[in-house]
Amino acid sequence: MKAIALLEVQAMVAAIVGLDAMVKAADVELIHVEKRLGGRLVTVVVEGEVSAVMAALKAGAAAAAGAGKVKATEVIANPHPDVMRFLTTG
């Protein structure tokens, strides 16, 4: 079953460190990046199998916490097609 994981952090550096850990920890693919407040609040979204996104999110949150503040994390299993359309539309 497909799933998405969202990692929201305060600071671009923390987002990059977290994303690097996520894609190295499991078989996931980056599908969306959202930057707010001039890059001071960044959300990265990865997609993969449920177990992979859970492992990736755990690794990403731990790594990002060392470089900044983790604001929120979430895994959504079997996301609705409208959610995916929202994430993959400009």
C-alpha atoms as a PDB file:
ATOM      1  CA  MET A   1       0.000   0.000   0.000  1.00  0.00           C
ATOM      2  CA  LYS A   2       1.298   3.432  -0.912  1.00  0.00           C
ATOM      3  CA  ALA A   3       1.685   6.152   1.691  1.00  0.00           C
ATOM      4  CA  ILE A   4       3.108   9.625   2.100  1.00  0.00           C
ATOM      5  CA  ALA A   5       5.162  11.055   4.940  1.00  0.00           C
ATOM      6  CA  LEU A   6       5.270  14.749   5.773  1.00  0.00           C
ATOM      7  CA  LEU A   7       8.114  16.353   7.704  1.00  0.00           C
ATOM      8  CA  GLU A   8       7.696  20.010   8.632  1.00  0.00           C
ATOM      9  CA  VAL A   9      10.694  21.791  10.092  1.00  0.00           C
ATOM     10  CA  GLN A  10      11.805  25.252  11.014  1.00  0.00           C
ATOM     11  CA  ALA A  11      14.768  26.210   8.766  1.00  0.00           C
ATOM     12  CA  MET A  12      15.874  25.164   5.311  1.00  0.00           C
ATOM     13  CA  VAL A  13      19.041  23.465   6.560  1.00  0.00           C
ATOM     14  CA  ALA A  14      17.024  21.207   8.867  1.00  0.00           C
ATOM     15  CA  ALA A  15      14.747  20.321   5.927  1.00  0.00           C
ATOM     16  CA  ILE A  16      17.687  19.334   3.746  1.00  0.00           C
ATOM     17  CA  VAL A  17      19.322  17.306   6.521  1.00  0.00           C
ATOM     18  CA  GLY A  18      16.006  15.584   7.260  1.00  0.00           C
ATOM     19  CA  LEU A  19      15.287  14.848   3.611  1.00  0.00           C
ATOM     20  CA  ASP A  20      18.772  13.439   3.094  1.00  0.00           C
ATOM     21  CA  ALA A  21      18.235  11.052   6.004  1.00  0.00           C
ATOM     22  CA  MET A  22      14.789  10.081   4.704  1.00  0.00           C
ATOM     23  CA  VAL A  23      15.888   9.081   1.220  1.00  0.00           C
ATOM     24  CA  LYS A  24      18.939   7.244   2.559  1.00  0.00           C
ATOM     25  CA  ALA A  25      16.967   5.331   5.212  1.00  0.00           C
ATOM     26  CA  ALA A  26      14.280   3.781   3.013  1.00  0.00           C
ATOM     27  CA  ASP A  27      12.967   3.343  -0.508  1.00  0.00           C
ATOM     28  CA  VAL A  28      11.049   6.621  -0.743  1.00  0.00           C
ATOM     29  CA  GLU A  29      10.850   9.379  -3.320  1.00  0.00           C
ATOM     30  CA  LEU A  30      10.517  13.121  -2.804  1.00  0.00           C
ATOM     31  CA  ILE A  31       7.251  14.334  -4.336  1.00  0.00           C
ATOM     32  CA  HIS A  32       6.737  17.812  -2.888  1.00  0.00           C
ATOM     33  CA  VAL A  33       8.481  20.653  -1.059  1.00  0.00           C
ATOM     34  CA  GLU A  34       6.587  23.558   0.457  1.00  0.00           C
ATOM     35  CA  LYS A  35       8.477  26.644   1.654  1.00  0.00           C
ATOM     36  CA  ARG A  36       6.864  29.337   3.770  1.00  0.00           C
ATOM     37  CA  LEU A  37       8.133  32.446   5.496  1.00  0.00           C
ATOM     38  CA  GLY A  38      11.090  32.738   3.150  1.00  0.00           C
ATOM     39  CA  GLY A  39      12.260  29.189   3.809  1.00  0.00           C
ATOM     40  CA  ARG A  40      12.026  29.449   7.576  1.00  0.00           C
ATOM     41  CA  LEU A  41       9.233  26.845   7.594  1.00  0.00           C
ATOM     42  CA  VAL A  42       9.680  23.945   5.176  1.00  0.00           C
ATOM     43  CA  THR A  43       7.609  20.822   4.605  1.00  0.00           C
ATOM     44  CA  VAL A  44       8.966  17.902   2.605  1.00  0.00           C
ATOM     45  CA  VAL A  45       6.735  15.075   1.399  1.00  0.00           C
ATOM     46  CA  VAL A  46       7.981  11.641   0.374  1.00  0.00           C
ATOM     47  CA  GLU A  47       6.087   8.705  -1.097  1.00  0.00           C
ATOM     48  CA  GLY A  48       6.566   4.951  -0.877  1.00  0.00           C
ATOM     49  CA  GLU A  49       5.249   1.859   0.817  1.00  0.00           C
ATOM     50  CA  VAL A  50       3.843   2.349   4.326  1.00  0.00           C
ATOM     51  CA  SER A  51       6.745   0.673   6.116  1.00  0.00           C
ATOM     52  CA  ALA A  52       9.271   2.628   4.041  1.00  0.00           C
ATOM     53  CA  VAL A  53       7.723   6.044   4.691  1.00  0.00           C
ATOM     54  CA  MET A  54       7.440   5.270   8.408  1.00  0.00           C
ATOM     55  CA  ALA A  55      11.123   4.344   8.586  1.00  0.00           C
ATOM     56  CA  ALA A  56      12.084   7.352   6.478  1.00  0.00           C
ATOM     57  CA  LEU A  57      10.086   9.746   8.647  1.00  0.00           C
ATOM     58  CA  LYS A  58      11.635   8.415  11.846  1.00  0.00           C
ATOM     59  CA  ALA A  59      15.145   8.855  10.437  1.00  0.00           C
ATOM     60  CA  GLY A  60      14.351  12.236   8.903  1.00  0.00           C
ATOM     61  CA  ALA A  61      12.818  13.684  12.054  1.00  0.00           C
ATOM     62  CA  ALA A  62      15.758  12.544  14.168  1.00  0.00           C
ATOM     63  CA  ALA A  63      18.284  14.028  11.753  1.00  0.00           C
ATOM     64  CA  ALA A  64      16.363  17.278  11.308  1.00  0.00           C
ATOM     65  CA  ALA A  65      16.074  17.734  15.074  1.00  0.00           C
ATOM     66  CA  GLY A  66      19.861  17.946  15.212  1.00  0.00           C
ATOM     67  CA  ALA A  67      19.887  20.842  12.771  1.00  0.00           C
ATOM     68  CA  GLY A  68      16.723  22.729  13.702  1.00  0.00           C
ATOM     69  CA  LYS A  69      13.253  22.405  15.158  1.00  0.00           C
ATOM     70  CA  VAL A  70      10.822  19.744  13.943  1.00  0.00           C
ATOM     71  CA  LYS A  71       7.347  21.297  13.899  1.00  0.00           C
ATOM     72  CA  ALA A  72       5.210  18.350  12.737  1.00  0.00           C
ATOM     73  CA  THR A  73       5.383  14.855  11.262  1.00  0.00           C
ATOM     74  CA  GLU A  74       2.662  12.706   9.743  1.00  0.00           C
ATOM     75  CA  VAL A  75       2.195   9.511   7.752  1.00  0.00           C
ATOM     76  CA  ILE A  76      -0.902   9.132   5.579  1.00  0.00           C
ATOM     77  CA  ALA A  77      -1.524   5.617   4.320  1.00  0.00           C
ATOM     78  CA  ASN A  78      -3.417   5.224   1.061  1.00  0.00           C
ATOM     79  CA  PRO A  79      -3.955   8.971   0.534  1.00  0.00           C
ATOM     80  CA  HIS A  80      -7.022  10.028  -1.438  1.00  0.00           C
ATOM     81  CA  PRO A  81      -6.329  10.947  -5.090  1.00  0.00           C
ATOM     82  CA  ASP A  82      -7.320  14.568  -4.362  1.00  0.00           C
ATOM     83  CA  VAL A  83      -4.570  14.790  -1.740  1.00  0.00           C
ATOM     84  CA  MET A  84      -2.049  13.520  -4.271  1.00  0.00           C
ATOM     85  CA  ARG A  85      -3.316  15.982  -6.884  1.00  0.00           C
ATOM     86  CA  PHE A  86      -2.843  18.787  -4.341  1.00  0.00           C
ATOM     87  CA  LEU A  87       0.741  17.728  -3.694  1.00  0.00           C
ATOM     88  CA  THR A  88       1.749  17.271  -7.317  1.00  0.00           C
ATOM     89  CA  THR A  89       0.158  20.458  -8.669  1.00  0.00           C
ATOM     90  CA  GLY A  90       2.373  23.534  -8.883  1.00  0.00           C
END
